[in-house]
Amino acid sequence: MSSKLKRVFPNSIGNIYHQGDGVKIVKATSEHAGYLQHRLRVTDIRECMISGASPWAALHMPLADPNGKTWTILINDEPACMYGISGISDEDDLYSAVIWLLGSDLIDKEWRKFLRVTRQIVDHLQDQYDILENVVPADHNKTIKWLSWLGFMFAHKPTVINGFNCVRFVRCNYNIEVRFE
């Protein structure tokens, strides 16, 4: 394969959803959740607490969601983060989902690999859903910068969750128009 050819995502091999450059994406397990619950970044722990969930619940509950999908990104065979979609709806002929990610400091240490694969992930999910959305604490500047780099748009008006200002972020297929208040 020529280095000039674009790599296909996902690159599935057996039980591995994607593999390349020391990164594997696999279906998330309770073992991954148990490993990561004690290693989440401080900002991710804060996001859990703002939403009213412990790290344990935030990582384990999606595994039991019959309508959601949850994966783990392994970097050099170590769980770096779990991500997924939930709250899937098909309303007014729009297929939308809540997108989320919680991770360890490994994603900051291996940021190039993390950025590369998360861009591929979001592009791939956007092919399947008209709208991807969630909220992030308004003062999590690094996360907001990453989400902006991934192509998400942000509401101008804050959403208050348990007394904390958060900002709604949305990414839509090119043919859908979203208006923020």
Protein backbone atom coordinates (compact mmCIF):
# COMPACT_ATOMS: atom_id res chain seq x y z
CA MET A 1 0.00 0.00 0.00
CA SER A 2 1.42 3.33 -1.02
CA SER A 3 2.00 5.80 1.83
CA LYS A 4 0.08 8.33 -0.28
CA LEU A 5 -3.10 6.23 -0.14
CA LYS A 6 -5.53 7.13 2.60
CA ARG A 7 -5.86 4.41 5.23
CA VAL A 8 -9.30 2.96 5.64
CA PHE A 9 -11.04 3.35 8.98
CA PRO A 10 -12.02 1.13 10.62
CA ASN A 11 -9.40 -1.46 9.85
CA SER A 12 -11.11 -4.50 11.40
CA ILE A 13 -9.21 -7.69 12.19
CA GLY A 14 -11.12 -10.36 14.12
CA ASN A 15 -12.28 -8.90 17.44
CA ILE A 16 -10.27 -5.74 16.90
CA TYR A 17 -12.40 -2.94 15.44
CA HIS A 18 -9.37 -0.96 14.29
CA GLN A 19 -5.61 -1.42 14.49
CA GLY A 20 -2.69 0.70 13.37
CA ASP A 21 0.32 2.66 14.63
CA GLY A 22 0.30 1.10 18.12
CA VAL A 23 -3.42 1.84 18.55
CA LYS A 24 -6.19 -0.72 18.81
CA ILE A 25 -9.89 -0.09 19.17
CA VAL A 26 -11.84 -2.94 20.71
CA LYS A 27 -15.30 -3.46 22.16
CA ALA A 28 -15.21 -2.10 25.71
CA THR A 29 -15.36 -4.53 28.63
CA SER A 30 -15.96 -4.23 32.35
CA GLU A 31 -12.22 -4.94 32.78
CA HIS A 32 -11.40 -1.83 30.74
CA ALA A 33 -13.87 0.20 32.81
CA GLY A 34 -12.40 -1.15 36.05
CA TYR A 35 -8.88 -0.28 34.91
CA LEU A 36 -9.76 3.23 33.76
CA GLN A 37 -12.02 4.20 36.68
CA HIS A 38 -8.90 4.63 38.87
CA ARG A 39 -6.84 6.35 36.17
CA LEU A 40 -9.14 9.03 34.71
CA ARG A 41 -7.74 12.47 34.10
CA VAL A 42 -8.78 15.09 36.67
CA THR A 43 -10.94 16.87 34.07
CA ASP A 44 -12.76 13.64 33.25
CA ILE A 45 -13.41 12.93 36.94
CA ARG A 46 -14.80 16.46 37.25
CA GLU A 47 -17.09 15.90 34.23
CA CYS A 48 -18.41 12.73 35.86
CA MET A 49 -19.10 14.53 39.13
CA ILE A 50 -20.81 17.47 37.38
CA SER A 51 -23.13 15.04 35.63
CA GLY A 52 -23.85 13.31 38.93
CA ALA A 53 -22.03 10.05 38.19
CA SER A 54 -19.04 8.41 39.81
CA PRO A 55 -16.22 7.34 37.50
CA TRP A 56 -17.34 3.75 38.10
CA ALA A 57 -20.90 4.48 36.95
CA ALA A 58 -19.82 6.66 34.02
CA LEU A 59 -17.65 3.85 32.64
CA HIS A 60 -19.73 0.80 33.56
CA MET A 61 -23.28 1.99 32.84
CA PRO A 62 -22.76 2.43 29.07
CA LEU A 63 -21.75 -1.24 28.88
CA ALA A 64 -25.30 -2.17 29.93
CA ASP A 65 -27.04 0.23 27.52
CA PRO A 66 -28.78 -1.97 24.93
CA ASN A 67 -29.01 0.95 22.50
CA GLY A 68 -25.52 2.34 23.01
CA LYS A 69 -22.15 1.34 21.64
CA THR A 70 -18.94 1.50 23.66
CA TRP A 71 -15.32 0.96 22.63
CA THR A 72 -11.89 1.13 24.26
CA ILE A 73 -8.84 2.71 22.68
CA LEU A 74 -5.71 0.75 23.59
CA ILE A 75 -2.38 2.48 23.08
CA ASN A 76 0.50 0.00 23.16
CA ASP A 77 -2.03 -2.52 24.58
CA GLU A 78 -2.91 -0.29 27.59
CA PRO A 79 -6.46 1.10 27.92
CA ALA A 80 -6.17 4.83 27.26
CA CYS A 81 -9.85 5.73 27.15
CA MET A 82 -13.35 4.50 26.60
CA TYR A 83 -15.75 6.25 24.27
CA GLY A 84 -19.11 5.64 22.79
CA ILE A 85 -22.50 6.78 21.72
CA SER A 86 -25.77 6.59 23.58
CA GLY A 87 -29.13 8.29 23.64
CA ILE A 88 -29.64 7.32 20.05
CA SER A 89 -32.81 8.72 18.53
CA ASP A 90 -34.49 8.78 15.15
CA GLU A 91 -36.72 11.84 15.22
CA ASP A 92 -37.92 13.89 12.26
CA ASP A 93 -35.82 11.67 9.96
CA LEU A 94 -32.64 12.71 11.83
CA TYR A 95 -30.48 10.01 13.37
CA SER A 96 -28.71 11.51 16.39
CA ALA A 97 -26.56 10.28 19.26
CA VAL A 98 -24.82 11.54 22.37
CA ILE A 99 -21.07 11.08 21.98
CA TRP A 100 -18.73 10.77 24.96
CA LEU A 101 -15.13 9.91 25.90
CA LEU A 102 -13.39 9.43 29.25
CA GLY A 103 -9.67 8.78 29.43
CA SER A 104 -6.45 8.48 31.37
CA ASP A 105 -3.29 10.58 31.22
CA LEU A 106 -2.03 8.17 28.55
CA ILE A 107 -4.02 10.12 25.96
CA ASP A 108 -2.02 13.23 26.90
CA LYS A 109 1.28 11.33 26.79
CA GLU A 110 0.45 9.76 23.40
CA TRP A 111 -1.43 12.80 22.07
CA ARG A 112 -0.42 12.38 18.42
CA LYS A 113 -1.84 8.86 18.28
CA PHE A 114 -4.91 9.98 20.22
CA LEU A 115 -5.62 12.95 17.95
CA ARG A 116 -5.17 10.91 14.78
CA VAL A 117 -7.50 8.12 15.85
CA THR A 118 -10.17 10.37 17.40
CA ARG A 119 -10.44 12.37 14.19
CA GLN A 120 -10.99 9.09 12.31
CA ILE A 121 -13.52 7.93 14.90
CA VAL A 122 -15.61 11.10 14.77
CA ASP A 123 -15.56 11.18 10.96
CA HIS A 124 -16.66 7.53 10.89
CA LEU A 125 -19.46 8.09 13.43
CA GLN A 126 -20.62 11.15 11.52
CA ASP A 127 -21.15 8.92 8.50
CA GLN A 128 -23.63 6.92 10.62
CA TYR A 129 -25.40 9.72 12.51
CA ASP A 130 -26.79 13.04 11.33
CA ILE A 131 -26.09 14.71 14.67
CA LEU A 132 -23.47 13.98 17.35
CA GLU A 133 -23.77 16.02 20.53
CA ASN A 134 -23.09 16.39 24.25
CA VAL A 135 -22.01 19.02 26.79
CA VAL A 136 -18.65 19.90 28.30
CA PRO A 137 -17.83 22.13 31.29
CA ALA A 138 -17.32 25.66 29.97
CA ASP A 139 -13.92 26.00 31.69
CA HIS A 140 -12.41 22.81 30.19
CA ASN A 141 -10.49 24.79 27.58
CA LYS A 142 -8.25 21.95 26.41
CA THR A 143 -11.26 19.71 25.75
CA ILE A 144 -13.10 22.52 23.95
CA LYS A 145 -10.03 23.16 21.76
CA TRP A 146 -9.88 19.42 20.89
CA LEU A 147 -13.62 19.29 20.12
CA SER A 148 -13.28 22.37 17.93
CA TRP A 149 -10.39 20.71 16.07
CA LEU A 150 -12.68 17.69 15.54
CA GLY A 151 -15.23 19.97 13.85
CA PHE A 152 -17.82 20.46 16.58
CA MET A 153 -19.77 23.71 16.91
CA PHE A 154 -20.62 25.25 20.28
CA ALA A 155 -23.71 26.90 21.72
CA HIS A 156 -23.33 30.54 22.71
CA LYS A 157 -25.62 30.19 25.72
CA PRO A 158 -24.39 28.06 28.64
CA THR A 159 -26.26 25.00 29.83
CA VAL A 160 -26.24 24.80 33.63
CA ILE A 161 -25.83 21.27 35.00
CA ASN A 162 -25.87 20.84 38.77
CA GLY A 163 -24.82 24.49 39.18
CA PHE A 164 -21.92 24.34 36.68
CA ASN A 165 -21.80 26.21 33.39
CA CYS A 166 -21.43 23.80 30.51
CA VAL A 167 -21.45 24.34 26.78
CA ARG A 168 -23.36 22.19 24.32
CA PHE A 169 -21.33 20.93 21.37
CA VAL A 170 -22.76 19.54 18.15
CA ARG A 171 -21.39 18.12 14.91
CA CYS A 172 -23.77 17.58 12.02
CA ASN A 173 -23.67 16.10 8.58
CA TYR A 174 -22.99 18.78 6.01
CA ASN A 175 -26.60 18.96 4.84
CA ILE A 176 -28.15 19.68 8.25
CA GLU A 177 -28.49 23.14 9.69
CA VAL A 178 -28.41 23.63 13.46
CA ARG A 179 -29.38 26.87 15.18
CA PHE A 180 -28.12 27.59 18.67
CA GLU A 181 -29.90 29.92 21.03
